[in-house]
Amino acid sequence: MLNKITGYPTTLIIDKHGKVRKIHTGFMGPATGKYYDAFTSEFEHFLQMLLKE
């Protein structure tokens, strides 16, 4: 999956077994408005799911 890094910043989410579970490329800060809200909501939900595994 690491050959799919096409830009910066790039965030890799790796589970407790060492498997890359998600790659996010690009900036999604507060200035992006509704996109930031959607991203943070999805990101937090995904992390909570991983923590429960």
PDB file of N, CA and C in Angstrom:
ATOM      1  N   MET A   1       0.815  -1.204   0.000  1.00  0.00           N
ATOM      2  CA  MET A   1       0.000   0.000   0.000  1.00  0.00           C
ATOM      3  C   MET A   1       0.855   1.262   0.000  1.00  0.00           C
ATOM      4  N   LEU A   2       2.075   1.171   0.421  1.00  0.00           N
ATOM      5  CA  LEU A   2       2.890   2.376   0.525  1.00  0.00           C
ATOM      6  C   LEU A   2       3.253   2.976  -0.824  1.00  0.00           C
ATOM      7  N   ASN A   3       3.079   2.235  -1.900  1.00  0.00           N
ATOM      8  CA  ASN A   3       3.361   2.805  -3.212  1.00  0.00           C
ATOM      9  C   ASN A   3       2.253   3.758  -3.660  1.00  0.00           C
ATOM     10  N   LYS A   4       1.200   3.901  -2.861  1.00  0.00           N
ATOM     11  CA  LYS A   4       0.095   4.795  -3.198  1.00  0.00           C
ATOM     12  C   LYS A   4       0.233   6.187  -2.580  1.00  0.00           C
ATOM     13  N   ILE A   5       1.365   6.478  -1.962  1.00  0.00           N
ATOM     14  CA  ILE A   5       1.570   7.810  -1.388  1.00  0.00           C
ATOM     15  C   ILE A   5       1.827   8.770  -2.536  1.00  0.00           C
ATOM     16  N   THR A   6       0.877   9.685  -2.731  1.00  0.00           N
ATOM     17  CA  THR A   6       0.957  10.596  -3.873  1.00  0.00           C
ATOM     18  C   THR A   6       1.144  12.049  -3.470  1.00  0.00           C
ATOM     19  N   GLY A   7       1.122  12.349  -2.189  1.00  0.00           N
ATOM     20  CA  GLY A   7       1.267  13.733  -1.772  1.00  0.00           C
ATOM     21  C   GLY A   7       1.575  13.828  -0.287  1.00  0.00           C
ATOM     22  N   TYR A   8       1.708  15.046   0.151  1.00  0.00           N
ATOM     23  CA  TYR A   8       2.041  15.324   1.548  1.00  0.00           C
ATOM     24  C   TYR A   8       1.082  16.355   2.095  1.00  0.00           C
ATOM     25  N   PRO A   9       0.680  16.297   3.324  1.00  0.00           N
ATOM     26  CA  PRO A   9       1.050  15.252   4.279  1.00  0.00           C
ATOM     27  C   PRO A   9       0.296  13.954   4.003  1.00  0.00           C
ATOM     28  N   THR A  10       0.870  12.861   4.440  1.00  0.00           N
ATOM     29  CA  THR A  10       0.240  11.551   4.330  1.00  0.00           C
ATOM     30  C   THR A  10       0.211  10.920   5.716  1.00  0.00           C
ATOM     31  N   THR A  11      -0.973  10.423   6.105  1.00  0.00           N
ATOM     32  CA  THR A  11      -1.152   9.775   7.397  1.00  0.00           C
ATOM     33  C   THR A  11      -1.429   8.295   7.170  1.00  0.00           C
ATOM     34  N   LEU A  12      -0.669   7.452   7.844  1.00  0.00           N
ATOM     35  CA  LEU A  12      -0.873   6.009   7.774  1.00  0.00           C
ATOM     36  C   LEU A  12      -1.476   5.545   9.093  1.00  0.00           C
ATOM     37  N   ILE A  13      -2.551   4.776   9.025  1.00  0.00           N
ATOM     38  CA  ILE A  13      -3.138   4.186  10.218  1.00  0.00           C
ATOM     39  C   ILE A  13      -2.783   2.701  10.180  1.00  0.00           C
ATOM     40  N   ILE A  14      -2.053   2.273  11.192  1.00  0.00           N
ATOM     41  CA  ILE A  14      -1.566   0.893  11.264  1.00  0.00           C
ATOM     42  C   ILE A  14      -2.201   0.224  12.471  1.00  0.00           C
ATOM     43  N   ASP A  15      -2.804  -0.948  12.270  1.00  0.00           N
ATOM     44  CA  ASP A  15      -3.468  -1.622  13.379  1.00  0.00           C
ATOM     45  C   ASP A  15      -2.452  -2.319  14.283  1.00  0.00           C
ATOM     46  N   LYS A  16      -2.961  -2.925  15.352  1.00  0.00           N
ATOM     47  CA  LYS A  16      -2.064  -3.543  16.336  1.00  0.00           C
ATOM     48  C   LYS A  16      -1.337  -4.775  15.810  1.00  0.00           C
ATOM     49  N   HIS A  17      -1.734  -5.252  14.643  1.00  0.00           N
ATOM     50  CA  HIS A  17      -1.049  -6.383  14.018  1.00  0.00           C
ATOM     51  C   HIS A  17      -0.018  -5.924  12.986  1.00  0.00           C
ATOM     52  N   GLY A  18       0.130  -4.611  12.830  1.00  0.00           N
ATOM     53  CA  GLY A  18       1.111  -4.066  11.908  1.00  0.00           C
ATOM     54  C   GLY A  18       0.618  -3.898  10.481  1.00  0.00           C
ATOM     55  N   LYS A  19      -0.685  -4.097  10.266  1.00  0.00           N
ATOM     56  CA  LYS A  19      -1.261  -3.974   8.927  1.00  0.00           C
ATOM     57  C   LYS A  19      -1.710  -2.529   8.683  1.00  0.00           C
ATOM     58  N   VAL A  20      -1.360  -1.993   7.519  1.00  0.00           N
ATOM     59  CA  VAL A  20      -1.813  -0.651   7.152  1.00  0.00           C
ATOM     60  C   VAL A  20      -3.301  -0.739   6.865  1.00  0.00           C
ATOM     61  N   ARG A  21      -4.098   0.010   7.626  1.00  0.00           N
ATOM     62  CA  ARG A  21      -5.544  -0.064   7.482  1.00  0.00           C
ATOM     63  C   ARG A  21      -6.134   1.116   6.731  1.00  0.00           C
ATOM     64  N   LYS A  22      -5.430   2.238   6.742  1.00  0.00           N
ATOM     65  CA  LYS A  22      -5.964   3.425   6.070  1.00  0.00           C
ATOM     66  C   LYS A  22      -4.815   4.355   5.724  1.00  0.00           C
ATOM     67  N   ILE A  23      -4.914   4.972   4.557  1.00  0.00           N
ATOM     68  CA  ILE A  23      -3.954   5.991   4.140  1.00  0.00           C
ATOM     69  C   ILE A  23      -4.749   7.227   3.770  1.00  0.00           C
ATOM     70  N   HIS A  24      -4.410   8.346   4.402  1.00  0.00           N
ATOM     71  CA  HIS A  24      -5.044   9.619   4.057  1.00  0.00           C
ATOM     72  C   HIS A  24      -3.955  10.564   3.567  1.00  0.00           C
ATOM     73  N   THR A  25      -4.165  11.102   2.392  1.00  0.00           N
ATOM     74  CA  THR A  25      -3.202  12.026   1.806  1.00  0.00           C
ATOM     75  C   THR A  25      -3.851  13.392   1.659  1.00  0.00           C
ATOM     76  N   GLY A  26      -3.137  14.418   2.091  1.00  0.00           N
ATOM     77  CA  GLY A  26      -3.625  15.778   1.925  1.00  0.00           C
ATOM     78  C   GLY A  26      -3.945  16.443   3.245  1.00  0.00           C
ATOM     79  N   PHE A  27      -4.282  17.705   3.150  1.00  0.00           N
ATOM     80  CA  PHE A  27      -4.588  18.526   4.315  1.00  0.00           C
ATOM     81  C   PHE A  27      -6.088  18.688   4.427  1.00  0.00           C
ATOM     82  N   MET A  28      -6.600  18.478   5.633  1.00  0.00           N
ATOM     83  CA  MET A  28      -8.023  18.639   5.874  1.00  0.00           C
ATOM     84  C   MET A  28      -8.174  19.368   7.211  1.00  0.00           C
ATOM     85  N   GLY A  29      -7.778  20.644   7.242  1.00  0.00           N
ATOM     86  CA  GLY A  29      -7.816  21.413   8.476  1.00  0.00           C
ATOM     87  C   GLY A  29      -9.104  22.193   8.644  1.00  0.00           C
ATOM     88  N   PRO A  30      -9.247  22.896   9.765  1.00  0.00           N
ATOM     89  CA  PRO A  30     -10.462  23.641  10.074  1.00  0.00           C
ATOM     90  C   PRO A  30     -10.880  24.632   8.984  1.00  0.00           C
ATOM     91  N   ALA A  31      -9.946  25.135   8.240  1.00  0.00           N
ATOM     92  CA  ALA A  31     -10.278  26.106   7.193  1.00  0.00           C
ATOM     93  C   ALA A  31     -11.060  25.481   6.043  1.00  0.00           C
ATOM     94  N   THR A  32     -11.107  24.148   5.982  1.00  0.00           N
ATOM     95  CA  THR A  32     -11.848  23.496   4.902  1.00  0.00           C
ATOM     96  C   THR A  32     -13.325  23.299   5.240  1.00  0.00           C
ATOM     97  N   GLY A  33     -13.751  23.831   6.393  1.00  0.00           N
ATOM     98  CA  GLY A  33     -15.162  23.863   6.763  1.00  0.00           C
ATOM     99  C   GLY A  33     -15.819  22.510   6.904  1.00  0.00           C
ATOM    100  N   LYS A  34     -16.899  22.303   6.137  1.00  0.00           N
ATOM    101  CA  LYS A  34     -17.687  21.077   6.264  1.00  0.00           C
ATOM    102  C   LYS A  34     -16.862  19.831   5.939  1.00  0.00           C
ATOM    103  N   TYR A  35     -15.838  19.963   5.107  1.00  0.00           N
ATOM    104  CA  TYR A  35     -14.976  18.823   4.775  1.00  0.00           C
ATOM    105  C   TYR A  35     -14.153  18.392   5.995  1.00  0.00           C
ATOM    106  N   TYR A  36     -13.723  19.380   6.763  1.00  0.00           N
ATOM    107  CA  TYR A  36     -12.994  19.104   8.005  1.00  0.00           C
ATOM    108  C   TYR A  36     -13.899  18.379   8.995  1.00  0.00           C
ATOM    109  N   ASP A  37     -15.119  18.868   9.138  1.00  0.00           N
ATOM    110  CA  ASP A  37     -16.067  18.242  10.071  1.00  0.00           C
ATOM    111  C   ASP A  37     -16.333  16.793   9.680  1.00  0.00           C
ATOM    112  N   ALA A  38     -16.556  16.538   8.394  1.00  0.00           N
ATOM    113  CA  ALA A  38     -16.808  15.180   7.918  1.00  0.00           C
ATOM    114  C   ALA A  38     -15.574  14.306   8.127  1.00  0.00           C
ATOM    115  N   PHE A  39     -14.392  14.840   7.824  1.00  0.00           N
ATOM    116  CA  PHE A  39     -13.157  14.073   7.970  1.00  0.00           C
ATOM    117  C   PHE A  39     -12.913  13.698   9.425  1.00  0.00           C
ATOM    118  N   THR A  40     -13.030  14.659  10.342  1.00  0.00           N
ATOM    119  CA  THR A  40     -12.753  14.362  11.749  1.00  0.00           C
ATOM    120  C   THR A  40     -13.755  13.361  12.305  1.00  0.00           C
ATOM    121  N   SER A  41     -15.005  13.472  11.909  1.00  0.00           N
ATOM    122  CA  SER A  41     -16.020  12.526  12.366  1.00  0.00           C
ATOM    123  C   SER A  41     -15.699  11.110  11.888  1.00  0.00           C
ATOM    124  N   GLU A  42     -15.378  10.963  10.606  1.00  0.00           N
ATOM    125  CA  GLU A  42     -15.044   9.653  10.046  1.00  0.00           C
ATOM    126  C   GLU A  42     -13.763   9.101  10.675  1.00  0.00           C
ATOM    127  N   PHE A  43     -12.762   9.969  10.843  1.00  0.00           N
ATOM    128  CA  PHE A  43     -11.474   9.566  11.406  1.00  0.00           C
ATOM    129  C   PHE A  43     -11.643   9.041  12.836  1.00  0.00           C
ATOM    130  N   GLU A  44     -12.396   9.779  13.655  1.00  0.00           N
ATOM    131  CA  GLU A  44     -12.618   9.366  15.034  1.00  0.00           C
ATOM    132  C   GLU A  44     -13.400   8.053  15.097  1.00  0.00           C
ATOM    133  N   HIS A  45     -14.393   7.913  14.247  1.00  0.00           N
ATOM    134  CA  HIS A  45     -15.183   6.678  14.201  1.00  0.00           C
ATOM    135  C   HIS A  45     -14.269   5.492  13.821  1.00  0.00           C
ATOM    136  N   PHE A  46     -13.435   5.683  12.831  1.00  0.00           N
ATOM    137  CA  PHE A  46     -12.527   4.622  12.381  1.00  0.00           C
ATOM    138  C   PHE A  46     -11.566   4.222  13.499  1.00  0.00           C
ATOM    139  N   LEU A  47     -11.002   5.206  14.195  1.00  0.00           N
ATOM    140  CA  LEU A  47     -10.062   4.901  15.279  1.00  0.00           C
ATOM    141  C   LEU A  47     -10.757   4.148  16.413  1.00  0.00           C
ATOM    142  N   GLN A  48     -11.981   4.543  16.738  1.00  0.00           N
ATOM    143  CA  GLN A  48     -12.731   3.846  17.784  1.00  0.00           C
ATOM    144  C   GLN A  48     -12.981   2.389  17.388  1.00  0.00           C
ATOM    145  N   MET A  49     -13.291   2.158  16.102  1.00  0.00           N
ATOM    146  CA  MET A  49     -13.501   0.807  15.612  1.00  0.00           C
ATOM    147  C   MET A  49     -12.226  -0.025  15.778  1.00  0.00           C
ATOM    148  N   LEU A  50     -11.074   0.560  15.433  1.00  0.00           N
ATOM    149  CA  LEU A  50      -9.806  -0.158  15.557  1.00  0.00           C
ATOM    150  C   LEU A  50      -9.487  -0.479  17.022  1.00  0.00           C
ATOM    151  N   LEU A  51      -9.788   0.451  17.908  1.00  0.00           N
ATOM    152  CA  LEU A  51      -9.515   0.229  19.318  1.00  0.00           C
ATOM    153  C   LEU A  51     -10.341  -0.920  19.891  1.00  0.00           C
ATOM    154  N   LYS A  52     -11.513  -1.147  19.338  1.00  0.00           N
ATOM    155  CA  LYS A  52     -12.390  -2.226  19.810  1.00  0.00           C
ATOM    156  C   LYS A  52     -11.977  -3.594  19.278  1.00  0.00           C
ATOM    157  N   GLU A  53     -11.151  -3.633  18.252  1.00  0.00           N
ATOM    158  CA  GLU A  53     -10.744  -4.915  17.660  1.00  0.00           C
ATOM    159  C   GLU A  53      -9.778  -5.657  18.561  1.00  0.00           C
TER     160      GLU A  53
END
